């Protein structure tokens, strides 16, 4: 199964269903369309707050509560769930809420994979992540 690695909290935002578009400035993720993929939480945490203005009140209060726990330490360097990639597109400002980041108003152009049906793994699986889509053997996730 293919996997992509993302910094936390972005990886968890996808698995929680808060982030339904994953963005990049390249088109390499286009090959993932129509596939179930694994989401890997990198060991790096993104301390920027660029997503805060895109979270609704419930999401923001939940995020602040989770920050007070060791949750993100427990996901670091692990496969945390799966998601289905239903499409790929050039992003516009109207996509910002779903991507949890400003789209369409900056250069270079942002591209996104459209995600649906996130599934949280009951037990995160330690695994090494990579910068680009990578393969995870079936026996790792069974």
C-alpha atoms as a PDB file:
ATOM      1  CA  UNK A   1       0.000   0.000   0.000  1.00  0.00           C
ATOM      2  CA  UNK A   2       1.235   3.521  -0.755  1.00  0.00           C
ATOM      3  CA  UNK A   3       1.838   5.945   2.105  1.00  0.00           C
ATOM      4  CA  UNK A   4       2.617   9.610   2.554  1.00  0.00           C
ATOM      5  CA  UNK A   5       4.392  11.166   5.506  1.00  0.00           C
ATOM      6  CA  UNK A   6       3.274  14.464   7.017  1.00  0.00           C
ATOM      7  CA  UNK A   7       4.374  16.522   9.978  1.00  0.00           C
ATOM      8  CA  UNK A   8       2.037  16.526  12.928  1.00  0.00           C
ATOM      9  CA  UNK A   9      -0.530  17.958  13.486  1.00  0.00           C
ATOM     10  CA  UNK A  10      -1.285  17.777   9.733  1.00  0.00           C
ATOM     11  CA  UNK A  11      -1.295  13.958   9.656  1.00  0.00           C
ATOM     12  CA  UNK A  12      -3.807  13.763  12.503  1.00  0.00           C
ATOM     13  CA  UNK A  13      -5.962  16.497  10.948  1.00  0.00           C
ATOM     14  CA  UNK A  14      -6.387  14.207   7.930  1.00  0.00           C
ATOM     15  CA  UNK A  15      -7.248  11.140  10.018  1.00  0.00           C
ATOM     16  CA  UNK A  16      -9.700  13.149  12.148  1.00  0.00           C
ATOM     17  CA  UNK A  17     -11.440  14.302   8.946  1.00  0.00           C
ATOM     18  CA  UNK A  18     -10.625  17.972   9.514  1.00  0.00           C
ATOM     19  CA  UNK A  19      -8.304  18.250   6.493  1.00  0.00           C
ATOM     20  CA  UNK A  20      -9.822  16.838   3.302  1.00  0.00           C
ATOM     21  CA  UNK A  21      -7.283  18.274   0.862  1.00  0.00           C
ATOM     22  CA  UNK A  22      -3.537  17.644   1.185  1.00  0.00           C
ATOM     23  CA  UNK A  23      -1.515  20.269  -0.675  1.00  0.00           C
ATOM     24  CA  UNK A  24       1.830  20.365  -2.416  1.00  0.00           C
ATOM     25  CA  UNK A  25       3.607  22.688  -4.857  1.00  0.00           C
ATOM     26  CA  UNK A  26       4.293  19.749  -7.190  1.00  0.00           C
ATOM     27  CA  UNK A  27       2.124  17.192  -9.011  1.00  0.00           C
ATOM     28  CA  UNK A  28       3.790  14.007  -7.690  1.00  0.00           C
ATOM     29  CA  UNK A  29       0.741  13.011  -5.614  1.00  0.00           C
ATOM     30  CA  UNK A  30      -1.445  12.831  -8.740  1.00  0.00           C
ATOM     31  CA  UNK A  31      -0.468   9.158  -9.082  1.00  0.00           C
ATOM     32  CA  UNK A  32      -2.293   8.397  -5.805  1.00  0.00           C
ATOM     33  CA  UNK A  33      -5.769   9.096  -7.204  1.00  0.00           C
ATOM     34  CA  UNK A  34      -8.278   6.234  -6.766  1.00  0.00           C
ATOM     35  CA  UNK A  35      -6.153   4.521  -4.099  1.00  0.00           C
ATOM     36  CA  UNK A  36      -6.470   3.863  -0.400  1.00  0.00           C
ATOM     37  CA  UNK A  37      -3.262   5.214   1.152  1.00  0.00           C
ATOM     38  CA  UNK A  38      -1.646   5.153   4.575  1.00  0.00           C
ATOM     39  CA  UNK A  39      -0.986   8.326   6.522  1.00  0.00           C
ATOM     40  CA  UNK A  40       2.354   8.429   8.332  1.00  0.00           C
ATOM     41  CA  UNK A  41       2.954  10.944  11.130  1.00  0.00           C
ATOM     42  CA  UNK A  42       6.519  12.199  10.887  1.00  0.00           C
ATOM     43  CA  UNK A  43       8.665  12.695  13.962  1.00  0.00           C
ATOM     44  CA  UNK A  44       8.677  16.443  13.262  1.00  0.00           C
ATOM     45  CA  UNK A  45       5.951  18.705  14.635  1.00  0.00           C
ATOM     46  CA  UNK A  46       4.943  21.833  12.706  1.00  0.00           C
ATOM     47  CA  UNK A  47       4.690  24.617  15.277  1.00  0.00           C
ATOM     48  CA  UNK A  48       3.351  27.163  12.778  1.00  0.00           C
ATOM     49  CA  UNK A  49      -0.192  28.335  13.290  1.00  0.00           C
ATOM     50  CA  UNK A  50      -1.187  28.864   9.657  1.00  0.00           C
ATOM     51  CA  UNK A  51      -4.183  26.518  10.061  1.00  0.00           C
ATOM     52  CA  UNK A  52      -5.734  28.237  13.102  1.00  0.00           C
ATOM     53  CA  UNK A  53      -7.910  30.666  11.122  1.00  0.00           C
ATOM     54  CA  UNK A  54      -9.378  27.768   9.142  1.00  0.00           C
ATOM     55  CA  UNK A  55     -10.462  25.675  12.152  1.00  0.00           C
ATOM     56  CA  UNK A  56     -14.007  25.991  13.401  1.00  0.00           C
ATOM     57  CA  UNK A  57     -14.667  26.629  17.101  1.00  0.00           C
ATOM     58  CA  UNK A  58     -15.030  22.922  17.960  1.00  0.00           C
ATOM     59  CA  UNK A  59     -11.846  21.951  16.117  1.00  0.00           C
ATOM     60  CA  UNK A  60      -9.861  24.789  17.672  1.00  0.00           C
ATOM     61  CA  UNK A  61     -10.932  23.949  21.235  1.00  0.00           C
ATOM     62  CA  UNK A  62     -10.297  20.218  20.633  1.00  0.00           C
ATOM     63  CA  UNK A  63      -6.846  20.960  19.189  1.00  0.00           C
ATOM     64  CA  UNK A  64      -5.919  23.148  22.172  1.00  0.00           C
ATOM     65  CA  UNK A  65      -7.079  20.406  24.556  1.00  0.00           C
ATOM     66  CA  UNK A  66      -5.055  17.726  22.708  1.00  0.00           C
ATOM     67  CA  UNK A  67      -1.949  19.950  22.799  1.00  0.00           C
ATOM     68  CA  UNK A  68      -2.022  19.585  26.597  1.00  0.00           C
ATOM     69  CA  UNK A  69      -1.594  15.809  26.286  1.00  0.00           C
ATOM     70  CA  UNK A  70       1.159  13.541  24.943  1.00  0.00           C
ATOM     71  CA  UNK A  71      -0.994  12.527  21.961  1.00  0.00           C
ATOM     72  CA  UNK A  72       1.382  13.825  19.282  1.00  0.00           C
ATOM     73  CA  UNK A  73       4.355  12.132  20.965  1.00  0.00           C
ATOM     74  CA  UNK A  74       2.457   8.839  20.703  1.00  0.00           C
ATOM     75  CA  UNK A  75       1.946   9.222  16.936  1.00  0.00           C
ATOM     76  CA  UNK A  76       5.451  10.437  15.989  1.00  0.00           C
ATOM     77  CA  UNK A  77       7.168   8.161  13.478  1.00  0.00           C
ATOM     78  CA  UNK A  78       4.114   5.928  13.026  1.00  0.00           C
ATOM     79  CA  UNK A  79       1.470   4.951  10.497  1.00  0.00           C
ATOM     80  CA  UNK A  80      -1.728   6.332  12.020  1.00  0.00           C
ATOM     81  CA  UNK A  81      -4.495   5.602   9.519  1.00  0.00           C
ATOM     82  CA  UNK A  82      -5.727   5.318   5.968  1.00  0.00           C
ATOM     83  CA  UNK A  83      -7.628   7.597   3.630  1.00  0.00           C
ATOM     84  CA  UNK A  84      -9.044   7.266   0.113  1.00  0.00           C
ATOM     85  CA  UNK A  85      -7.694   9.658  -2.557  1.00  0.00           C
ATOM     86  CA  UNK A  86     -10.668  10.518  -4.733  1.00  0.00           C
ATOM     87  CA  UNK A  87      -9.132  13.237  -6.890  1.00  0.00           C
ATOM     88  CA  UNK A  88      -6.383  15.701  -7.721  1.00  0.00           C
ATOM     89  CA  UNK A  89      -6.678  19.356  -8.723  1.00  0.00           C
ATOM     90  CA  UNK A  90      -5.136  22.799  -8.888  1.00  0.00           C
ATOM     91  CA  UNK A  91      -6.234  24.646  -5.758  1.00  0.00           C
ATOM     92  CA  UNK A  92      -8.023  27.962  -5.456  1.00  0.00           C
ATOM     93  CA  UNK A  93      -8.846  30.270  -2.561  1.00  0.00           C
ATOM     94  CA  UNK A  94     -12.179  28.464  -2.111  1.00  0.00           C
ATOM     95  CA  UNK A  95     -10.222  25.289  -1.188  1.00  0.00           C
ATOM     96  CA  UNK A  96      -8.495  26.905   1.815  1.00  0.00           C
ATOM     97  CA  UNK A  97     -11.024  25.708   4.429  1.00  0.00           C
ATOM     98  CA  UNK A  98     -10.708  22.058   3.324  1.00  0.00           C
ATOM     99  CA  UNK A  99      -6.908  22.269   3.080  1.00  0.00           C
ATOM    100  CA  UNK A 100      -6.550  24.192   6.376  1.00  0.00           C
ATOM    101  CA  UNK A 101      -4.077  26.494   4.625  1.00  0.00           C
ATOM    102  CA  UNK A 102      -4.413  29.493   2.316  1.00  0.00           C
ATOM    103  CA  UNK A 103      -4.687  28.342  -1.304  1.00  0.00           C
ATOM    104  CA  UNK A 104      -4.842  30.169  -4.588  1.00  0.00           C
ATOM    105  CA  UNK A 105      -3.417  33.453  -3.374  1.00  0.00           C
ATOM    106  CA  UNK A 106       0.262  32.592  -3.195  1.00  0.00           C
ATOM    107  CA  UNK A 107       2.944  31.584  -5.616  1.00  0.00           C
ATOM    108  CA  UNK A 108       3.875  28.930  -6.560  1.00  0.00           C
ATOM    109  CA  UNK A 109       0.601  27.274  -7.458  1.00  0.00           C
ATOM    110  CA  UNK A 110      -0.638  24.654  -4.959  1.00  0.00           C
ATOM    111  CA  UNK A 111      -1.997  21.281  -6.051  1.00  0.00           C
ATOM    112  CA  UNK A 112      -4.066  19.015  -3.875  1.00  0.00           C
ATOM    113  CA  UNK A 113      -5.256  15.472  -3.460  1.00  0.00           C
ATOM    114  CA  UNK A 114      -8.891  15.249  -2.424  1.00  0.00           C
ATOM    115  CA  UNK A 115      -9.327  12.874   0.512  1.00  0.00           C
ATOM    116  CA  UNK A 116     -12.301  10.999   1.909  1.00  0.00           C
ATOM    117  CA  UNK A 117     -13.161   8.199   4.324  1.00  0.00           C
ATOM    118  CA  UNK A 118     -10.343   8.533   6.867  1.00  0.00           C
ATOM    119  CA  UNK A 119      -9.842   5.479   9.076  1.00  0.00           C
ATOM    120  CA  UNK A 120      -7.844   5.677  12.292  1.00  0.00           C
ATOM    121  CA  UNK A 121      -5.611   2.687  13.021  1.00  0.00           C
ATOM    122  CA  UNK A 122      -6.485   1.372  16.483  1.00  0.00           C
ATOM    123  CA  UNK A 123      -2.790   0.896  17.237  1.00  0.00           C
ATOM    124  CA  UNK A 124      -0.335   3.201  15.388  1.00  0.00           C
ATOM    125  CA  UNK A 125       2.438   1.229  13.693  1.00  0.00           C
ATOM    126  CA  UNK A 126       6.066   2.388  14.019  1.00  0.00           C
ATOM    127  CA  UNK A 127       7.495   2.832  10.528  1.00  0.00           C
ATOM    128  CA  UNK A 128      10.040   5.014   8.783  1.00  0.00           C
ATOM    129  CA  UNK A 129       8.539   7.755   6.640  1.00  0.00           C
ATOM    130  CA  UNK A 130       9.865   9.275   3.426  1.00  0.00           C
ATOM    131  CA  UNK A 131       9.525  12.606   1.664  1.00  0.00           C
ATOM    132  CA  UNK A 132       7.614  11.249  -1.329  1.00  0.00           C
ATOM    133  CA  UNK A 133       4.919   8.533  -1.619  1.00  0.00           C
ATOM    134  CA  UNK A 134       6.382   5.224  -0.475  1.00  0.00           C
ATOM    135  CA  UNK A 135       5.317   1.589  -0.331  1.00  0.00           C
ATOM    136  CA  UNK A 136       4.469  -0.212   2.914  1.00  0.00           C
ATOM    137  CA  UNK A 137       4.420  -4.036   2.704  1.00  0.00           C
ATOM    138  CA  UNK A 138       1.001  -5.587   3.385  1.00  0.00           C
ATOM    139  CA  UNK A 139       2.351  -7.688   6.263  1.00  0.00           C
ATOM    140  CA  UNK A 140       3.160  -4.484   8.190  1.00  0.00           C
ATOM    141  CA  UNK A 141      -0.482  -3.428   8.386  1.00  0.00           C
ATOM    142  CA  UNK A 142      -2.260  -6.788   8.646  1.00  0.00           C
END
